[in-house]
């Protein structure tokens, strides 16, 4: 069995340094724009910050994976192509993509850059995963969080690339890449805008002894008074 690799997220240069110093094998990050599926205000990296952070990680024996994992806009693919080009120029250890066109661009323009398939691609069958491996040379697939351990093991037995799984994060019931709830309510989605449940549309209301979380006025969840309220 291959050795496990601990991959940690980082939304800021300080978080990346903390993860590296704590022993992370790799850190995944994104640019501070819509090319990154975690495009939240105040988070992520500008070009100068990322170049310095990649150098820091490499000096300390860690890898940096750059997520360019939202879906390119029709007629305006430039930001996604620039993100791929810049990540490759900075010597990122891999780029994480979801859009087929972005995957094709990376594999054609930067064949030396390692390509990972994002969870946003929602590839959860051996056939779908193998397609990306054969077509674009994908070396790793990040699996949807909704898969259980037995399903993950079954996939690993049938595919020829590495797998990455989440062991932390929100317990959302939706399959990544296939959910339209945020887009329907707010007009913004992880796939196209890099943001799920944007903070400007989130509110919390007290209802008797309960706390109610809402997204755009729609009730998402209800929590008891002594229960920690989650993000919608």
C-alpha atoms as a PDB file:
ATOM      1  CA  UNK A   1       0.000   0.000   0.000  1.00  0.00           C
ATOM      2  CA  UNK A   2       1.258   3.482  -0.833  1.00  0.00           C
ATOM      3  CA  UNK A   3       2.089   5.768   2.064  1.00  0.00           C
ATOM      4  CA  UNK A   4      -0.677   8.127   3.113  1.00  0.00           C
ATOM      5  CA  UNK A   5      -0.186  11.828   2.446  1.00  0.00           C
ATOM      6  CA  UNK A   6      -1.656  14.490   4.728  1.00  0.00           C
ATOM      7  CA  UNK A   7      -3.045  17.360   2.641  1.00  0.00           C
ATOM      8  CA  UNK A   8      -4.180  20.478   4.519  1.00  0.00           C
ATOM      9  CA  UNK A   9      -6.080  23.557   3.327  1.00  0.00           C
ATOM     10  CA  UNK A  10      -4.715  27.076   3.662  1.00  0.00           C
ATOM     11  CA  UNK A  11      -6.627  30.277   3.053  1.00  0.00           C
ATOM     12  CA  UNK A  12      -3.742  32.616   3.906  1.00  0.00           C
ATOM     13  CA  UNK A  13       0.068  32.579   3.783  1.00  0.00           C
ATOM     14  CA  UNK A  14       0.132  32.346   7.585  1.00  0.00           C
ATOM     15  CA  UNK A  15      -2.125  29.288   7.482  1.00  0.00           C
ATOM     16  CA  UNK A  16       0.131  27.666   4.897  1.00  0.00           C
ATOM     17  CA  UNK A  17       3.215  28.224   7.030  1.00  0.00           C
ATOM     18  CA  UNK A  18       1.409  26.837  10.067  1.00  0.00           C
ATOM     19  CA  UNK A  19       0.359  23.705   8.166  1.00  0.00           C
ATOM     20  CA  UNK A  20       3.856  23.161   6.794  1.00  0.00           C
ATOM     21  CA  UNK A  21       5.495  23.729  10.183  1.00  0.00           C
ATOM     22  CA  UNK A  22       3.043  21.274  11.774  1.00  0.00           C
ATOM     23  CA  UNK A  23       4.084  18.523   9.376  1.00  0.00           C
ATOM     24  CA  UNK A  24       1.631  18.619   6.473  1.00  0.00           C
ATOM     25  CA  UNK A  25       2.927  16.710   3.458  1.00  0.00           C
ATOM     26  CA  UNK A  26       1.068  19.064   1.126  1.00  0.00           C
ATOM     27  CA  UNK A  27      -1.127  22.154   1.291  1.00  0.00           C
ATOM     28  CA  UNK A  28      -3.860  23.103  -1.147  1.00  0.00           C
ATOM     29  CA  UNK A  29      -4.520  26.751  -1.896  1.00  0.00           C
ATOM     30  CA  UNK A  30      -6.221  28.990  -4.446  1.00  0.00           C
ATOM     31  CA  UNK A  31      -5.947  32.413  -6.014  1.00  0.00           C
ATOM     32  CA  UNK A  32      -8.147  35.164  -4.607  1.00  0.00           C
ATOM     33  CA  UNK A  33     -10.581  35.185  -7.507  1.00  0.00           C
ATOM     34  CA  UNK A  34     -13.407  33.184  -9.046  1.00  0.00           C
ATOM     35  CA  UNK A  35     -11.069  30.467 -10.364  1.00  0.00           C
ATOM     36  CA  UNK A  36     -10.990  28.993  -6.866  1.00  0.00           C
ATOM     37  CA  UNK A  37     -14.043  27.175  -5.460  1.00  0.00           C
ATOM     38  CA  UNK A  38     -13.367  28.675  -2.012  1.00  0.00           C
ATOM     39  CA  UNK A  39     -13.566  32.279  -3.179  1.00  0.00           C
ATOM     40  CA  UNK A  40     -14.503  33.921   0.120  1.00  0.00           C
ATOM     41  CA  UNK A  41     -13.709  37.567   1.005  1.00  0.00           C
ATOM     42  CA  UNK A  42     -10.439  38.039   2.851  1.00  0.00           C
ATOM     43  CA  UNK A  43      -9.091  34.598   1.979  1.00  0.00           C
ATOM     44  CA  UNK A  44      -6.734  33.083  -0.588  1.00  0.00           C
ATOM     45  CA  UNK A  45      -3.568  34.255  -2.299  1.00  0.00           C
ATOM     46  CA  UNK A  46      -2.473  36.940  -4.700  1.00  0.00           C
ATOM     47  CA  UNK A  47       0.312  36.051  -7.128  1.00  0.00           C
ATOM     48  CA  UNK A  48       3.150  37.434  -5.017  1.00  0.00           C
ATOM     49  CA  UNK A  49       1.914  35.727  -1.859  1.00  0.00           C
ATOM     50  CA  UNK A  50       1.559  32.381  -3.581  1.00  0.00           C
ATOM     51  CA  UNK A  51       5.002  32.477  -5.160  1.00  0.00           C
ATOM     52  CA  UNK A  52       6.573  33.149  -1.754  1.00  0.00           C
ATOM     53  CA  UNK A  53       4.420  30.492  -0.097  1.00  0.00           C
ATOM     54  CA  UNK A  54       5.375  27.827  -2.635  1.00  0.00           C
ATOM     55  CA  UNK A  55       9.037  28.647  -2.072  1.00  0.00           C
ATOM     56  CA  UNK A  56       8.546  28.379   1.704  1.00  0.00           C
ATOM     57  CA  UNK A  57       6.817  25.008   1.406  1.00  0.00           C
ATOM     58  CA  UNK A  58       9.505  23.611  -0.878  1.00  0.00           C
ATOM     59  CA  UNK A  59      12.260  24.815   1.447  1.00  0.00           C
ATOM     60  CA  UNK A  60      10.597  22.802   4.220  1.00  0.00           C
ATOM     61  CA  UNK A  61       9.932  19.663   2.187  1.00  0.00           C
ATOM     62  CA  UNK A  62       6.200  20.188   1.576  1.00  0.00           C
ATOM     63  CA  UNK A  63       4.167  20.385  -1.620  1.00  0.00           C
ATOM     64  CA  UNK A  64       1.668  23.015  -2.751  1.00  0.00           C
ATOM     65  CA  UNK A  65      -1.394  22.095  -4.804  1.00  0.00           C
ATOM     66  CA  UNK A  66      -3.163  25.015  -6.509  1.00  0.00           C
ATOM     67  CA  UNK A  67      -6.920  24.714  -6.939  1.00  0.00           C
ATOM     68  CA  UNK A  68      -8.250  26.139 -10.206  1.00  0.00           C
ATOM     69  CA  UNK A  69     -11.430  24.225  -9.623  1.00  0.00           C
ATOM     70  CA  UNK A  70     -14.408  26.341 -10.553  1.00  0.00           C
ATOM     71  CA  UNK A  71     -15.902  26.188 -14.056  1.00  0.00           C
ATOM     72  CA  UNK A  72     -14.783  28.682 -16.693  1.00  0.00           C
ATOM     73  CA  UNK A  73     -17.310  31.195 -17.991  1.00  0.00           C
ATOM     74  CA  UNK A  74     -18.397  30.914 -21.608  1.00  0.00           C
ATOM     75  CA  UNK A  75     -16.542  33.505 -23.652  1.00  0.00           C
ATOM     76  CA  UNK A  76     -14.203  34.440 -20.803  1.00  0.00           C
ATOM     77  CA  UNK A  77     -11.814  31.582 -20.082  1.00  0.00           C
ATOM     78  CA  UNK A  78      -8.847  33.922 -19.691  1.00  0.00           C
ATOM     79  CA  UNK A  79      -8.797  34.010 -15.867  1.00  0.00           C
ATOM     80  CA  UNK A  80      -8.701  30.207 -15.700  1.00  0.00           C
ATOM     81  CA  UNK A  81      -5.951  29.921 -18.306  1.00  0.00           C
ATOM     82  CA  UNK A  82      -3.899  32.584 -16.508  1.00  0.00           C
ATOM     83  CA  UNK A  83      -4.352  30.757 -13.214  1.00  0.00           C
ATOM     84  CA  UNK A  84      -3.021  27.544 -14.765  1.00  0.00           C
ATOM     85  CA  UNK A  85      -0.128  29.375 -16.437  1.00  0.00           C
ATOM     86  CA  UNK A  86       0.828  31.201 -13.245  1.00  0.00           C
ATOM     87  CA  UNK A  87       0.632  28.088 -11.066  1.00  0.00           C
ATOM     88  CA  UNK A  88       2.878  26.237 -13.507  1.00  0.00           C
ATOM     89  CA  UNK A  89       5.326  29.159 -13.646  1.00  0.00           C
ATOM     90  CA  UNK A  90       5.501  29.200  -9.839  1.00  0.00           C
ATOM     91  CA  UNK A  91       6.463  25.508  -9.843  1.00  0.00           C
ATOM     92  CA  UNK A  92       3.313  24.346  -8.074  1.00  0.00           C
ATOM     93  CA  UNK A  93       3.441  20.625  -7.379  1.00  0.00           C
ATOM     94  CA  UNK A  94       0.003  20.107  -8.922  1.00  0.00           C
ATOM     95  CA  UNK A  95      -3.058  21.975 -10.093  1.00  0.00           C
ATOM     96  CA  UNK A  96      -6.525  20.818  -9.090  1.00  0.00           C
ATOM     97  CA  UNK A  97      -9.150  21.256 -11.823  1.00  0.00           C
ATOM     98  CA  UNK A  98     -12.815  20.461 -12.387  1.00  0.00           C
ATOM     99  CA  UNK A  99     -13.638  21.947 -15.798  1.00  0.00           C
ATOM    100  CA  UNK A 100     -12.903  19.620 -18.745  1.00  0.00           C
ATOM    101  CA  UNK A 101     -11.716  22.532 -20.873  1.00  0.00           C
ATOM    102  CA  UNK A 102      -9.356  23.729 -18.152  1.00  0.00           C
ATOM    103  CA  UNK A 103      -8.039  20.182 -17.768  1.00  0.00           C
ATOM    104  CA  UNK A 104      -7.407  20.014 -21.512  1.00  0.00           C
ATOM    105  CA  UNK A 105      -5.635  23.380 -21.476  1.00  0.00           C
ATOM    106  CA  UNK A 106      -3.360  22.320 -18.640  1.00  0.00           C
ATOM    107  CA  UNK A 107      -2.480  18.951 -20.138  1.00  0.00           C
ATOM    108  CA  UNK A 108      -1.739  20.494 -23.553  1.00  0.00           C
ATOM    109  CA  UNK A 109       0.113  23.656 -22.477  1.00  0.00           C
ATOM    110  CA  UNK A 110       1.817  22.349 -19.351  1.00  0.00           C
ATOM    111  CA  UNK A 111       2.259  18.583 -19.719  1.00  0.00           C
ATOM    112  CA  UNK A 112       4.980  18.666 -17.068  1.00  0.00           C
ATOM    113  CA  UNK A 113       2.519  19.949 -14.442  1.00  0.00           C
ATOM    114  CA  UNK A 114       0.857  17.276 -12.347  1.00  0.00           C
ATOM    115  CA  UNK A 115      -2.927  17.321 -12.743  1.00  0.00           C
ATOM    116  CA  UNK A 116      -5.423  16.444  -9.993  1.00  0.00           C
ATOM    117  CA  UNK A 117      -9.181  16.172 -10.493  1.00  0.00           C
ATOM    118  CA  UNK A 118     -11.186  18.290  -8.053  1.00  0.00           C
ATOM    119  CA  UNK A 119     -14.075  17.038  -5.968  1.00  0.00           C
ATOM    120  CA  UNK A 120     -16.117  19.632  -7.895  1.00  0.00           C
ATOM    121  CA  UNK A 121     -15.887  17.376 -10.950  1.00  0.00           C
ATOM    122  CA  UNK A 122     -18.002  14.905  -8.977  1.00  0.00           C
ATOM    123  CA  UNK A 123     -16.309  11.881 -10.522  1.00  0.00           C
ATOM    124  CA  UNK A 124     -17.537   8.915  -8.513  1.00  0.00           C
ATOM    125  CA  UNK A 125     -17.469   5.936 -10.880  1.00  0.00           C
ATOM    126  CA  UNK A 126     -14.473   4.002 -12.244  1.00  0.00           C
ATOM    127  CA  UNK A 127     -15.478   4.879 -15.797  1.00  0.00           C
ATOM    128  CA  UNK A 128     -15.679   8.624 -15.142  1.00  0.00           C
ATOM    129  CA  UNK A 129     -12.376   8.676 -13.285  1.00  0.00           C
ATOM    130  CA  UNK A 130     -10.591   6.598 -15.915  1.00  0.00           C
ATOM    131  CA  UNK A 131     -11.828   8.971 -18.615  1.00  0.00           C
ATOM    132  CA  UNK A 132      -9.957  11.854 -16.983  1.00  0.00           C
ATOM    133  CA  UNK A 133      -6.873   9.681 -16.525  1.00  0.00           C
ATOM    134  CA  UNK A 134      -6.837   8.603 -20.173  1.00  0.00           C
ATOM    135  CA  UNK A 135      -7.832  11.950 -21.696  1.00  0.00           C
ATOM    136  CA  UNK A 136      -5.790  14.374 -19.602  1.00  0.00           C
ATOM    137  CA  UNK A 137      -3.241  12.337 -17.668  1.00  0.00           C
ATOM    138  CA  UNK A 138      -4.865  13.000 -14.297  1.00  0.00           C
ATOM    139  CA  UNK A 139      -2.719  11.568 -11.513  1.00  0.00           C
ATOM    140  CA  UNK A 140      -5.152  11.939  -8.588  1.00  0.00           C
ATOM    141  CA  UNK A 141      -8.897  12.259  -8.075  1.00  0.00           C
ATOM    142  CA  UNK A 142     -10.445  13.960  -5.048  1.00  0.00           C
ATOM    143  CA  UNK A 143     -13.524  11.900  -4.242  1.00  0.00           C
ATOM    144  CA  UNK A 144     -16.947  13.257  -3.224  1.00  0.00           C
ATOM    145  CA  UNK A 145     -17.414  13.328   0.544  1.00  0.00           C
ATOM    146  CA  UNK A 146     -20.689  11.410   0.265  1.00  0.00           C
ATOM    147  CA  UNK A 147     -18.859   8.165  -0.574  1.00  0.00           C
ATOM    148  CA  UNK A 148     -18.408   5.730   2.295  1.00  0.00           C
ATOM    149  CA  UNK A 149     -15.272   3.748   3.087  1.00  0.00           C
ATOM    150  CA  UNK A 150     -16.453   0.619   1.269  1.00  0.00           C
ATOM    151  CA  UNK A 151     -17.260   2.622  -1.863  1.00  0.00           C
ATOM    152  CA  UNK A 152     -13.843   4.282  -1.747  1.00  0.00           C
ATOM    153  CA  UNK A 153     -12.132   0.899  -1.421  1.00  0.00           C
ATOM    154  CA  UNK A 154     -14.118  -0.460  -4.365  1.00  0.00           C
ATOM    155  CA  UNK A 155     -13.086   2.493  -6.520  1.00  0.00           C
ATOM    156  CA  UNK A 156      -9.431   2.118  -5.580  1.00  0.00           C
ATOM    157  CA  UNK A 157      -9.530  -1.484  -6.763  1.00  0.00           C
ATOM    158  CA  UNK A 158     -10.642  -0.460 -10.253  1.00  0.00           C
ATOM    159  CA  UNK A 159      -8.801   2.758 -11.123  1.00  0.00           C
ATOM    160  CA  UNK A 160      -5.198   3.534 -12.018  1.00  0.00           C
ATOM    161  CA  UNK A 161      -4.706   6.892 -10.299  1.00  0.00           C
ATOM    162  CA  UNK A 162      -4.310   8.078  -6.716  1.00  0.00           C
ATOM    163  CA  UNK A 163      -7.323   9.006  -4.611  1.00  0.00           C
ATOM    164  CA  UNK A 164      -7.731  11.781  -2.071  1.00  0.00           C
ATOM    165  CA  UNK A 165     -10.550  11.915   0.472  1.00  0.00           C
ATOM    166  CA  UNK A 166     -11.795  14.497   2.954  1.00  0.00           C
ATOM    167  CA  UNK A 167     -11.556  13.707   6.662  1.00  0.00           C
ATOM    168  CA  UNK A 168     -12.750  17.129   7.827  1.00  0.00           C
ATOM    169  CA  UNK A 169     -15.037  19.983   6.847  1.00  0.00           C
ATOM    170  CA  UNK A 170     -18.728  20.686   6.579  1.00  0.00           C
ATOM    171  CA  UNK A 171     -21.132  17.765   6.701  1.00  0.00           C
ATOM    172  CA  UNK A 172     -23.146  18.901   3.692  1.00  0.00           C
ATOM    173  CA  UNK A 173     -25.471  16.253   2.271  1.00  0.00           C
ATOM    174  CA  UNK A 174     -25.026  17.484  -1.297  1.00  0.00           C
ATOM    175  CA  UNK A 175     -22.634  15.929  -3.811  1.00  0.00           C
ATOM    176  CA  UNK A 176     -19.996  18.463  -4.791  1.00  0.00           C
ATOM    177  CA  UNK A 177     -20.340  19.790  -8.306  1.00  0.00           C
ATOM    178  CA  UNK A 178     -23.978  18.712  -8.584  1.00  0.00           C
ATOM    179  CA  UNK A 179     -25.710  21.061  -6.138  1.00  0.00           C
ATOM    180  CA  UNK A 180     -27.665  24.078  -7.414  1.00  0.00           C
ATOM    181  CA  UNK A 181     -29.102  25.259  -4.077  1.00  0.00           C
ATOM    182  CA  UNK A 182     -26.741  28.210  -3.586  1.00  0.00           C
ATOM    183  CA  UNK A 183     -27.102  29.238  -7.216  1.00  0.00           C
ATOM    184  CA  UNK A 184     -30.901  29.053  -7.035  1.00  0.00           C
ATOM    185  CA  UNK A 185     -31.171  31.136  -3.862  1.00  0.00           C
ATOM    186  CA  UNK A 186     -28.314  33.631  -4.228  1.00  0.00           C
ATOM    187  CA  UNK A 187     -27.322  33.605  -7.892  1.00  0.00           C
ATOM    188  CA  UNK A 188     -23.808  32.539  -6.874  1.00  0.00           C
ATOM    189  CA  UNK A 189     -22.443  29.003  -6.876  1.00  0.00           C
ATOM    190  CA  UNK A 190     -19.162  27.165  -6.219  1.00  0.00           C
ATOM    191  CA  UNK A 191     -19.094  25.928  -9.799  1.00  0.00           C
ATOM    192  CA  UNK A 192     -19.246  29.324 -11.494  1.00  0.00           C
ATOM    193  CA  UNK A 193     -18.325  31.892  -8.849  1.00  0.00           C
ATOM    194  CA  UNK A 194     -16.248  29.870  -6.422  1.00  0.00           C
ATOM    195  CA  UNK A 195     -18.528  30.520  -3.468  1.00  0.00           C
ATOM    196  CA  UNK A 196     -21.215  28.428  -1.779  1.00  0.00           C
ATOM    197  CA  UNK A 197     -23.655  30.196   0.531  1.00  0.00           C
ATOM    198  CA  UNK A 198     -21.995  33.648   0.284  1.00  0.00           C
ATOM    199  CA  UNK A 199     -21.790  35.375   3.645  1.00  0.00           C
ATOM    200  CA  UNK A 200     -23.811  38.364   2.430  1.00  0.00           C
ATOM    201  CA  UNK A 201     -26.838  36.066   2.047  1.00  0.00           C
ATOM    202  CA  UNK A 202     -26.480  34.200   5.374  1.00  0.00           C
ATOM    203  CA  UNK A 203     -28.399  35.144   8.503  1.00  0.00           C
ATOM    204  CA  UNK A 204     -29.193  33.646  11.910  1.00  0.00           C
ATOM    205  CA  UNK A 205     -32.489  34.285  13.712  1.00  0.00           C
ATOM    206  CA  UNK A 206     -33.614  33.363  17.205  1.00  0.00           C
ATOM    207  CA  UNK A 207     -36.897  31.467  17.324  1.00  0.00           C
ATOM    208  CA  UNK A 208     -37.840  30.858  20.930  1.00  0.00           C
ATOM    209  CA  UNK A 209     -35.124  28.662  22.388  1.00  0.00           C
ATOM    210  CA  UNK A 210     -33.826  27.726  18.952  1.00  0.00           C
ATOM    211  CA  UNK A 211     -31.434  29.291  16.473  1.00  0.00           C
ATOM    212  CA  UNK A 212     -32.418  29.213  12.806  1.00  0.00           C
ATOM    213  CA  UNK A 213     -29.865  29.507  10.005  1.00  0.00           C
ATOM    214  CA  UNK A 214     -31.086  30.977   6.738  1.00  0.00           C
ATOM    215  CA  UNK A 215     -29.729  31.428   3.246  1.00  0.00           C
ATOM    216  CA  UNK A 216     -31.362  34.250   1.326  1.00  0.00           C
ATOM    217  CA  UNK A 217     -34.389  34.085   3.610  1.00  0.00           C
ATOM    218  CA  UNK A 218     -34.820  30.313   3.235  1.00  0.00           C
ATOM    219  CA  UNK A 219     -34.516  28.224   6.393  1.00  0.00           C
ATOM    220  CA  UNK A 220     -31.645  25.774   6.058  1.00  0.00           C
ATOM    221  CA  UNK A 221     -31.407  24.381   9.583  1.00  0.00           C
ATOM    222  CA  UNK A 222     -32.690  24.746  13.114  1.00  0.00           C
ATOM    223  CA  UNK A 223     -30.497  24.324  16.193  1.00  0.00           C
ATOM    224  CA  UNK A 224     -31.299  23.849  19.868  1.00  0.00           C
ATOM    225  CA  UNK A 225     -30.188  26.579  22.248  1.00  0.00           C
ATOM    226  CA  UNK A 226     -27.241  24.551  23.550  1.00  0.00           C
ATOM    227  CA  UNK A 227     -26.217  23.311  20.092  1.00  0.00           C
ATOM    228  CA  UNK A 228     -23.502  24.860  17.941  1.00  0.00           C
ATOM    229  CA  UNK A 229     -25.069  26.495  14.894  1.00  0.00           C
ATOM    230  CA  UNK A 230     -23.438  25.437  11.648  1.00  0.00           C
ATOM    231  CA  UNK A 231     -22.927  27.464   8.490  1.00  0.00           C
ATOM    232  CA  UNK A 232     -25.756  27.025   5.932  1.00  0.00           C
END
